[in-house]
Amino acid sequence: MRIDVLGVGFDNLTMTEAVSRGAALLEEPGCHYVVTPNPEIVEVCRENPAAMQAVNGADLVLPDGIGVVKGAAMLGTPLKEKTPGIEFA
């Protein structure tokens, strides 16, 4: 289940869980993609339906930035931790 932050659904995973899920995607057939939206990207998604569809259509949506994590907590649906793209790669 994804955590909704202003319309963007984030996977609620620790970095270790995200890496495991990413590795599992490599074993699955087909093409897959991972996105790591930060608060600025969430704002772009709110203004651009195509961006929202692209982000929410990813196999993994990981919160890149403490702003997303704090925002989720303020909305009453906390995320486990931030999982920055630069550290996920």
PDB file of N, CA and C in Angstrom:
ATOM      1  N   MET A   1       0.838  -1.186   0.000  1.00  0.00           N
ATOM      2  CA  MET A   1       0.000   0.000   0.000  1.00  0.00           C
ATOM      3  C   MET A   1       0.879   1.244   0.000  1.00  0.00           C
ATOM      4  N   ARG A   2       0.542   2.177  -0.842  1.00  0.00           N
ATOM      5  CA  ARG A   2       1.312   3.419  -0.913  1.00  0.00           C
ATOM      6  C   ARG A   2       0.715   4.488  -0.003  1.00  0.00           C
ATOM      7  N   ILE A   3       1.602   5.347   0.459  1.00  0.00           N
ATOM      8  CA  ILE A   3       1.210   6.474   1.299  1.00  0.00           C
ATOM      9  C   ILE A   3       1.004   7.679   0.387  1.00  0.00           C
ATOM     10  N   ASP A   4      -0.193   8.261   0.430  1.00  0.00           N
ATOM     11  CA  ASP A   4      -0.525   9.396  -0.429  1.00  0.00           C
ATOM     12  C   ASP A   4      -0.031  10.698   0.187  1.00  0.00           C
ATOM     13  N   VAL A   5       0.775  11.420  -0.580  1.00  0.00           N
ATOM     14  CA  VAL A   5       1.221  12.752  -0.190  1.00  0.00           C
ATOM     15  C   VAL A   5       0.842  13.691  -1.330  1.00  0.00           C
ATOM     16  N   LEU A   6      -0.280  14.389  -1.144  1.00  0.00           N
ATOM     17  CA  LEU A   6      -0.779  15.349  -2.130  1.00  0.00           C
ATOM     18  C   LEU A   6      -0.953  14.725  -3.518  1.00  0.00           C
ATOM     19  N   GLY A   7      -1.406  13.486  -3.543  1.00  0.00           N
ATOM     20  CA  GLY A   7      -1.690  12.803  -4.800  1.00  0.00           C
ATOM     21  C   GLY A   7      -0.599  11.883  -5.297  1.00  0.00           C
ATOM     22  N   VAL A   8       0.591  12.012  -4.757  1.00  0.00           N
ATOM     23  CA  VAL A   8       1.700  11.123  -5.131  1.00  0.00           C
ATOM     24  C   VAL A   8       1.740   9.981  -4.126  1.00  0.00           C
ATOM     25  N   GLY A   9       1.732   8.751  -4.625  1.00  0.00           N
ATOM     26  CA  GLY A   9       1.755   7.579  -3.752  1.00  0.00           C
ATOM     27  C   GLY A   9       3.173   7.082  -3.539  1.00  0.00           C
ATOM     28  N   PHE A  10       3.638   7.124  -2.305  1.00  0.00           N
ATOM     29  CA  PHE A  10       4.997   6.695  -1.966  1.00  0.00           C
ATOM     30  C   PHE A  10       4.985   5.311  -1.334  1.00  0.00           C
ATOM     31  N   ASP A  11       5.924   4.464  -1.768  1.00  0.00           N
ATOM     32  CA  ASP A  11       6.096   3.165  -1.128  1.00  0.00           C
ATOM     33  C   ASP A  11       6.733   3.393   0.236  1.00  0.00           C
ATOM     34  N   ASN A  12       6.155   2.779   1.248  1.00  0.00           N
ATOM     35  CA  ASN A  12       6.613   2.979   2.624  1.00  0.00           C
ATOM     36  C   ASN A  12       7.661   1.920   2.973  1.00  0.00           C
ATOM     37  N   LEU A  13       8.895   2.180   2.543  1.00  0.00           N
ATOM     38  CA  LEU A  13       9.983   1.218   2.708  1.00  0.00           C
ATOM     39  C   LEU A  13      11.207   1.875   3.333  1.00  0.00           C
ATOM     40  N   THR A  14      11.970   1.092   4.069  1.00  0.00           N
ATOM     41  CA  THR A  14      13.290   1.544   4.487  1.00  0.00           C
ATOM     42  C   THR A  14      14.219   1.423   3.283  1.00  0.00           C
ATOM     43  N   MET A  15      15.411   1.969   3.395  1.00  0.00           N
ATOM     44  CA  MET A  15      16.365   1.847   2.295  1.00  0.00           C
ATOM     45  C   MET A  15      16.675   0.378   2.021  1.00  0.00           C
ATOM     46  N   THR A  16      16.860  -0.405   3.059  1.00  0.00           N
ATOM     47  CA  THR A  16      17.148  -1.831   2.887  1.00  0.00           C
ATOM     48  C   THR A  16      16.008  -2.526   2.159  1.00  0.00           C
ATOM     49  N   GLU A  17      14.779  -2.231   2.544  1.00  0.00           N
ATOM     50  CA  GLU A  17      13.618  -2.827   1.883  1.00  0.00           C
ATOM     51  C   GLU A  17      13.523  -2.371   0.421  1.00  0.00           C
ATOM     52  N   ALA A  18      13.823  -1.101   0.173  1.00  0.00           N
ATOM     53  CA  ALA A  18      13.768  -0.569  -1.192  1.00  0.00           C
ATOM     54  C   ALA A  18      14.809  -1.238  -2.085  1.00  0.00           C
ATOM     55  N   VAL A  19      16.008  -1.418  -1.574  1.00  0.00           N
ATOM     56  CA  VAL A  19      17.055  -2.087  -2.353  1.00  0.00           C
ATOM     57  C   VAL A  19      16.644  -3.526  -2.645  1.00  0.00           C
ATOM     58  N   SER A  20      16.082  -4.207  -1.677  1.00  0.00           N
ATOM     59  CA  SER A  20      15.611  -5.585  -1.899  1.00  0.00           C
ATOM     60  C   SER A  20      14.525  -5.625  -2.962  1.00  0.00           C
ATOM     61  N   ARG A  21      13.607  -4.678  -2.886  1.00  0.00           N
ATOM     62  CA  ARG A  21      12.528  -4.633  -3.883  1.00  0.00           C
ATOM     63  C   ARG A  21      13.095  -4.296  -5.261  1.00  0.00           C
ATOM     64  N   GLY A  22      14.043  -3.375  -5.326  1.00  0.00           N
ATOM     65  CA  GLY A  22      14.687  -3.049  -6.595  1.00  0.00           C
ATOM     66  C   GLY A  22      15.403  -4.244  -7.184  1.00  0.00           C
ATOM     67  N   ALA A  23      16.104  -5.001  -6.362  1.00  0.00           N
ATOM     68  CA  ALA A  23      16.795  -6.201  -6.833  1.00  0.00           C
ATOM     69  C   ALA A  23      15.788  -7.230  -7.337  1.00  0.00           C
ATOM     70  N   ALA A  24      14.664  -7.349  -6.661  1.00  0.00           N
ATOM     71  CA  ALA A  24      13.629  -8.289  -7.095  1.00  0.00           C
ATOM     72  C   ALA A  24      13.059  -7.877  -8.453  1.00  0.00           C
ATOM     73  N   LEU A  25      12.945  -6.575  -8.697  1.00  0.00           N
ATOM     74  CA  LEU A  25      12.447  -6.107  -9.995  1.00  0.00           C
ATOM     75  C   LEU A  25      13.374  -6.529 -11.126  1.00  0.00           C
ATOM     76  N   LEU A  26      14.671  -6.596 -10.846  1.00  0.00           N
ATOM     77  CA  LEU A  26      15.629  -7.013 -11.866  1.00  0.00           C
ATOM     78  C   LEU A  26      15.392  -8.453 -12.315  1.00  0.00           C
ATOM     79  N   GLU A  27      14.827  -9.246 -11.434  1.00  0.00           N
ATOM     80  CA  GLU A  27      14.562 -10.654 -11.739  1.00  0.00           C
ATOM     81  C   GLU A  27      13.228 -10.859 -12.440  1.00  0.00           C
ATOM     82  N   GLU A  28      12.359  -9.862 -12.394  1.00  0.00           N
ATOM     83  CA  GLU A  28      11.038  -9.977 -13.010  1.00  0.00           C
ATOM     84  C   GLU A  28      11.118  -9.610 -14.481  1.00  0.00           C
ATOM     85  N   PRO A  29      10.333 -10.284 -15.316  1.00  0.00           N
ATOM     86  CA  PRO A  29      10.344  -9.952 -16.743  1.00  0.00           C
ATOM     87  C   PRO A  29       9.759  -8.562 -16.992  1.00  0.00           C
ATOM     88  N   GLY A  30      10.130  -7.991 -18.119  1.00  0.00           N
ATOM     89  CA  GLY A  30       9.582  -6.703 -18.518  1.00  0.00           C
ATOM     90  C   GLY A  30      10.438  -5.536 -18.069  1.00  0.00           C
ATOM     91  N   CYS A  31       9.942  -4.371 -18.402  1.00  0.00           N
ATOM     92  CA  CYS A  31      10.636  -3.125 -18.042  1.00  0.00           C
ATOM     93  C   CYS A  31      10.044  -2.581 -16.749  1.00  0.00           C
ATOM     94  N   HIS A  32      10.895  -2.006 -15.953  1.00  0.00           N
ATOM     95  CA  HIS A  32      10.479  -1.436 -14.670  1.00  0.00           C
ATOM     96  C   HIS A  32      11.204  -0.121 -14.472  1.00  0.00           C
ATOM     97  N   TYR A  33      10.596   0.762 -13.681  1.00  0.00           N
ATOM     98  CA  TYR A  33      11.303   1.994 -13.338  1.00  0.00           C
ATOM     99  C   TYR A  33      10.982   2.441 -11.923  1.00  0.00           C
ATOM    100  N   VAL A  34      11.950   3.179 -11.374  1.00  0.00           N
ATOM    101  CA  VAL A  34      11.886   3.681 -10.012  1.00  0.00           C
ATOM    102  C   VAL A  34      11.978   5.199 -10.085  1.00  0.00           C
ATOM    103  N   VAL A  35      11.178   5.877  -9.293  1.00  0.00           N
ATOM    104  CA  VAL A  35      11.265   7.331  -9.200  1.00  0.00           C
ATOM    105  C   VAL A  35      11.482   7.722  -7.747  1.00  0.00           C
ATOM    106  N   THR A  36      12.143   8.846  -7.562  1.00  0.00           N
ATOM    107  CA  THR A  36      12.433   9.323  -6.206  1.00  0.00           C
ATOM    108  C   THR A  36      12.042  10.804  -6.109  1.00  0.00           C
ATOM    109  N   PRO A  37      10.727  11.080  -6.055  1.00  0.00           N
ATOM    110  CA  PRO A  37      10.281  12.464  -6.018  1.00  0.00           C
ATOM    111  C   PRO A  37      10.648  13.169  -4.713  1.00  0.00           C
ATOM    112  N   ASN A  38      11.054  14.417  -4.867  1.00  0.00           N
ATOM    113  CA  ASN A  38      11.263  15.300  -3.721  1.00  0.00           C
ATOM    114  C   ASN A  38      10.054  16.241  -3.653  1.00  0.00           C
ATOM    115  N   PRO A  39       9.996  17.153  -2.687  1.00  0.00           N
ATOM    116  CA  PRO A  39       8.824  18.039  -2.591  1.00  0.00           C
ATOM    117  C   PRO A  39       8.575  18.851  -3.864  1.00  0.00           C
ATOM    118  N   GLU A  40       9.621  19.274  -4.538  1.00  0.00           N
ATOM    119  CA  GLU A  40       9.440  20.045  -5.769  1.00  0.00           C
ATOM    120  C   GLU A  40       8.754  19.207  -6.853  1.00  0.00           C
ATOM    121  N   ILE A  41       9.127  17.937  -6.946  1.00  0.00           N
ATOM    122  CA  ILE A  41       8.502  17.046  -7.929  1.00  0.00           C
ATOM    123  C   ILE A  41       7.044  16.789  -7.562  1.00  0.00           C
ATOM    124  N   VAL A  42       6.751  16.680  -6.286  1.00  0.00           N
ATOM    125  CA  VAL A  42       5.355  16.528  -5.861  1.00  0.00           C
ATOM    126  C   VAL A  42       4.551  17.730  -6.348  1.00  0.00           C
ATOM    127  N   GLU A  43       5.106  18.918  -6.236  1.00  0.00           N
ATOM    128  CA  GLU A  43       4.420  20.125  -6.710  1.00  0.00           C
ATOM    129  C   GLU A  43       4.233  20.094  -8.224  1.00  0.00           C
ATOM    130  N   VAL A  44       5.241  19.647  -8.969  1.00  0.00           N
ATOM    131  CA  VAL A  44       5.105  19.506 -10.424  1.00  0.00           C
ATOM    132  C   VAL A  44       3.963  18.542 -10.737  1.00  0.00           C
ATOM    133  N   CYS A  45       3.904  17.444 -10.021  1.00  0.00           N
ATOM    134  CA  CYS A  45       2.848  16.453 -10.243  1.00  0.00           C
ATOM    135  C   CYS A  45       1.466  17.037  -9.988  1.00  0.00           C
ATOM    136  N   ARG A  46       1.356  17.885  -9.012  1.00  0.00           N
ATOM    137  CA  ARG A  46       0.063  18.501  -8.701  1.00  0.00           C
ATOM    138  C   ARG A  46      -0.410  19.402  -9.831  1.00  0.00           C
ATOM    139  N   GLU A  47       0.526  19.979 -10.571  1.00  0.00           N
ATOM    140  CA  GLU A  47       0.195  20.897 -11.658  1.00  0.00           C
ATOM    141  C   GLU A  47       0.137  20.218 -13.018  1.00  0.00           C
ATOM    142  N   ASN A  48       0.720  19.019 -13.130  1.00  0.00           N
ATOM    143  CA  ASN A  48       0.868  18.379 -14.430  1.00  0.00           C
ATOM    144  C   ASN A  48       0.369  16.930 -14.349  1.00  0.00           C
ATOM    145  N   PRO A  49      -0.815  16.663 -14.885  1.00  0.00           N
ATOM    146  CA  PRO A  49      -1.374  15.298 -14.804  1.00  0.00           C
ATOM    147  C   PRO A  49      -0.486  14.232 -15.438  1.00  0.00           C
ATOM    148  N   ALA A  50       0.232  14.575 -16.510  1.00  0.00           N
ATOM    149  CA  ALA A  50       1.115  13.591 -17.144  1.00  0.00           C
ATOM    150  C   ALA A  50       2.263  13.229 -16.213  1.00  0.00           C
ATOM    151  N   ALA A  51       2.797  14.215 -15.515  1.00  0.00           N
ATOM    152  CA  ALA A  51       3.866  13.948 -14.546  1.00  0.00           C
ATOM    153  C   ALA A  51       3.336  13.089 -13.405  1.00  0.00           C
ATOM    154  N   MET A  52       2.140  13.394 -12.927  1.00  0.00           N
ATOM    155  CA  MET A  52       1.526  12.616 -11.848  1.00  0.00           C
ATOM    156  C   MET A  52       1.352  11.161 -12.284  1.00  0.00           C
ATOM    157  N   GLN A  53       0.877  10.962 -13.509  1.00  0.00           N
ATOM    158  CA  GLN A  53       0.679   9.606 -14.018  1.00  0.00           C
ATOM    159  C   GLN A  53       2.009   8.866 -14.140  1.00  0.00           C
ATOM    160  N   ALA A  54       3.036   9.551 -14.617  1.00  0.00           N
ATOM    161  CA  ALA A  54       4.354   8.922 -14.771  1.00  0.00           C
ATOM    162  C   ALA A  54       4.932   8.530 -13.417  1.00  0.00           C
ATOM    163  N   VAL A  55       4.814   9.410 -12.439  1.00  0.00           N
ATOM    164  CA  VAL A  55       5.367   9.119 -11.111  1.00  0.00           C
ATOM    165  C   VAL A  55       4.579   7.992 -10.449  1.00  0.00           C
ATOM    166  N   ASN A  56       3.259   8.107 -10.449  1.00  0.00           N
ATOM    167  CA  ASN A  56       2.451   7.080  -9.785  1.00  0.00           C
ATOM    168  C   ASN A  56       2.458   5.746 -10.525  1.00  0.00           C
ATOM    169  N   GLY A  57       2.889   5.736 -11.781  1.00  0.00           N
ATOM    170  CA  GLY A  57       2.970   4.501 -12.545  1.00  0.00           C
ATOM    171  C   GLY A  57       4.262   3.732 -12.345  1.00  0.00           C
ATOM    172  N   ALA A  58       5.195   4.299 -11.593  1.00  0.00           N
ATOM    173  CA  ALA A  58       6.484   3.642 -11.357  1.00  0.00           C
ATOM    174  C   ALA A  58       6.310   2.391 -10.503  1.00  0.00           C
ATOM    175  N   ASP A  59       7.237   1.482 -10.659  1.00  0.00           N
ATOM    176  CA  ASP A  59       7.218   0.253  -9.858  1.00  0.00           C
ATOM    177  C   ASP A  59       7.601   0.522  -8.413  1.00  0.00           C
ATOM    178  N   LEU A  60       8.434   1.527  -8.212  1.00  0.00           N
ATOM    179  CA  LEU A  60       8.810   1.972  -6.874  1.00  0.00           C
ATOM    180  C   LEU A  60       8.779   3.487  -6.862  1.00  0.00           C
ATOM    181  N   VAL A  61       8.146   4.062  -5.850  1.00  0.00           N
ATOM    182  CA  VAL A  61       8.133   5.509  -5.657  1.00  0.00           C
ATOM    183  C   VAL A  61       8.705   5.751  -4.266  1.00  0.00           C
ATOM    184  N   LEU A  62       9.912   6.298  -4.244  1.00  0.00           N
ATOM    185  CA  LEU A  62      10.653   6.451  -2.990  1.00  0.00           C
ATOM    186  C   LEU A  62      10.804   7.923  -2.623  1.00  0.00           C
ATOM    187  N   PRO A  63      10.590   8.281  -1.361  1.00  0.00           N
ATOM    188  CA  PRO A  63      10.662   9.679  -0.959  1.00  0.00           C
ATOM    189  C   PRO A  63      12.097  10.196  -0.908  1.00  0.00           C
ATOM    190  N   ASP A  64      12.385  11.149  -1.782  1.00  0.00           N
ATOM    191  CA  ASP A  64      13.721  11.741  -1.842  1.00  0.00           C
ATOM    192  C   ASP A  64      13.674  13.096  -1.149  1.00  0.00           C
ATOM    193  N   GLY A  65      13.853  13.078   0.127  1.00  0.00           N
ATOM    194  CA  GLY A  65      13.895  14.338   0.859  1.00  0.00           C
ATOM    195  C   GLY A  65      13.086  14.279   2.132  1.00  0.00           C
ATOM    196  N   ILE A  66      13.596  14.952   3.118  1.00  0.00           N
ATOM    197  CA  ILE A  66      12.934  14.976   4.421  1.00  0.00           C
ATOM    198  C   ILE A  66      11.605  15.713   4.337  1.00  0.00           C
ATOM    199  N   GLY A  67      11.461  16.631   3.369  1.00  0.00           N
ATOM    200  CA  GLY A  67      10.198  17.354   3.216  1.00  0.00           C
ATOM    201  C   GLY A  67       9.040  16.430   2.909  1.00  0.00           C
ATOM    202  N   VAL A  68       9.278  15.412   2.114  1.00  0.00           N
ATOM    203  CA  VAL A  68       8.223  14.438   1.802  1.00  0.00           C
ATOM    204  C   VAL A  68       7.900  13.634   3.056  1.00  0.00           C
ATOM    205  N   VAL A  69       8.917  13.224   3.785  1.00  0.00           N
ATOM    206  CA  VAL A  69       8.711  12.435   5.001  1.00  0.00           C
ATOM    207  C   VAL A  69       7.952  13.259   6.044  1.00  0.00           C
ATOM    208  N   LYS A  70       8.350  14.516   6.232  1.00  0.00           N
ATOM    209  CA  LYS A  70       7.660  15.394   7.192  1.00  0.00           C
ATOM    210  C   LYS A  70       6.227  15.666   6.745  1.00  0.00           C
ATOM    211  N   GLY A  71       6.043  15.877   5.441  1.00  0.00           N
ATOM    212  CA  GLY A  71       4.697  16.110   4.926  1.00  0.00           C
ATOM    213  C   GLY A  71       3.781  14.920   5.162  1.00  0.00           C
ATOM    214  N   ALA A  72       4.284  13.731   4.925  1.00  0.00           N
ATOM    215  CA  ALA A  72       3.486  12.524   5.166  1.00  0.00           C
ATOM    216  C   ALA A  72       3.093  12.423   6.632  1.00  0.00           C
ATOM    217  N   ALA A  73       4.035  12.731   7.515  1.00  0.00           N
ATOM    218  CA  ALA A  73       3.741  12.675   8.955  1.00  0.00           C
ATOM    219  C   ALA A  73       2.681  13.715   9.327  1.00  0.00           C
ATOM    220  N   MET A  74       2.788  14.915   8.752  1.00  0.00           N
ATOM    221  CA  MET A  74       1.814  15.967   9.033  1.00  0.00           C
ATOM    222  C   MET A  74       0.419  15.572   8.548  1.00  0.00           C
ATOM    223  N   LEU A  75       0.350  14.774   7.486  1.00  0.00           N
ATOM    224  CA  LEU A  75      -0.931  14.308   6.959  1.00  0.00           C
ATOM    225  C   LEU A  75      -1.458  13.087   7.711  1.00  0.00           C
ATOM    226  N   GLY A  76      -0.684  12.612   8.700  1.00  0.00           N
ATOM    227  CA  GLY A  76      -1.128  11.489   9.527  1.00  0.00           C
ATOM    228  C   GLY A  76      -0.805  10.128   8.967  1.00  0.00           C
ATOM    229  N   THR A  77       0.045  10.077   7.940  1.00  0.00           N
ATOM    230  CA  THR A  77       0.429   8.805   7.329  1.00  0.00           C
ATOM    231  C   THR A  77       1.949   8.762   7.193  1.00  0.00           C
ATOM    232  N   PRO A  78       2.646   8.552   8.288  1.00  0.00           N
ATOM    233  CA  PRO A  78       4.113   8.643   8.260  1.00  0.00           C
ATOM    234  C   PRO A  78       4.780   7.598   7.374  1.00  0.00           C
ATOM    235  N   LEU A  79       5.863   8.017   6.769  1.00  0.00           N
ATOM    236  CA  LEU A  79       6.739   7.125   6.007  1.00  0.00           C
ATOM    237  C   LEU A  79       7.875   6.669   6.921  1.00  0.00           C
ATOM    238  N   LYS A  80       8.421   5.502   6.661  1.00  0.00           N
ATOM    239  CA  LYS A  80       9.469   4.943   7.505  1.00  0.00           C
ATOM    240  C   LYS A  80      10.725   5.807   7.511  1.00  0.00           C
ATOM    241  N   GLU A  81      11.160   6.259   6.318  1.00  0.00           N
ATOM    242  CA  GLU A  81      12.352   7.091   6.230  1.00  0.00           C
ATOM    243  C   GLU A  81      12.493   7.620   4.811  1.00  0.00           C
ATOM    244  N   LYS A  82      13.353   8.604   4.630  1.00  0.00           N
ATOM    245  CA  LYS A  82      13.635   9.069   3.274  1.00  0.00           C
ATOM    246  C   LYS A  82      14.577   8.067   2.610  1.00  0.00           C
ATOM    247  N   THR A  83      14.414   7.923   1.312  1.00  0.00           N
ATOM    248  CA  THR A  83      15.248   6.999   0.542  1.00  0.00           C
ATOM    249  C   THR A  83      15.734   7.739  -0.694  1.00  0.00           C
ATOM    250  N   PRO A  84      16.720   8.611  -0.531  1.00  0.00           N
ATOM    251  CA  PRO A  84      17.200   9.431  -1.643  1.00  0.00           C
ATOM    252  C   PRO A  84      17.703   8.601  -2.820  1.00  0.00           C
ATOM    253  N   GLY A  85      17.385   9.063  -4.005  1.00  0.00           N
ATOM    254  CA  GLY A  85      17.796   8.369  -5.213  1.00  0.00           C
ATOM    255  C   GLY A  85      19.292   8.181  -5.307  1.00  0.00           C
ATOM    256  N   ILE A  86      20.052   9.185  -4.911  1.00  0.00           N
ATOM    257  CA  ILE A  86      21.507   9.101  -5.010  1.00  0.00           C
ATOM    258  C   ILE A  86      22.067   7.976  -4.124  1.00  0.00           C
ATOM    259  N   GLU A  87      21.371   7.674  -3.039  1.00  0.00           N
ATOM    260  CA  GLU A  87      21.802   6.592  -2.150  1.00  0.00           C
ATOM    261  C   GLU A  87      21.221   5.251  -2.595  1.00  0.00           C
ATOM    262  N   PHE A  88      20.087   5.286  -3.289  1.00  0.00           N
ATOM    263  CA  PHE A  88      19.452   4.052  -3.770  1.00  0.00           C
ATOM    264  C   PHE A  88      20.249   3.450  -4.905  1.00  0.00           C
ATOM    265  N   ALA A  89      20.809   4.295  -5.762  1.00  0.00           N
ATOM    266  CA  ALA A  89      21.569   3.820  -6.934  1.00  0.00           C
ATOM    267  C   ALA A  89      22.776   3.135  -6.461  1.00  0.00           C
TER     268      ALA A  89
END
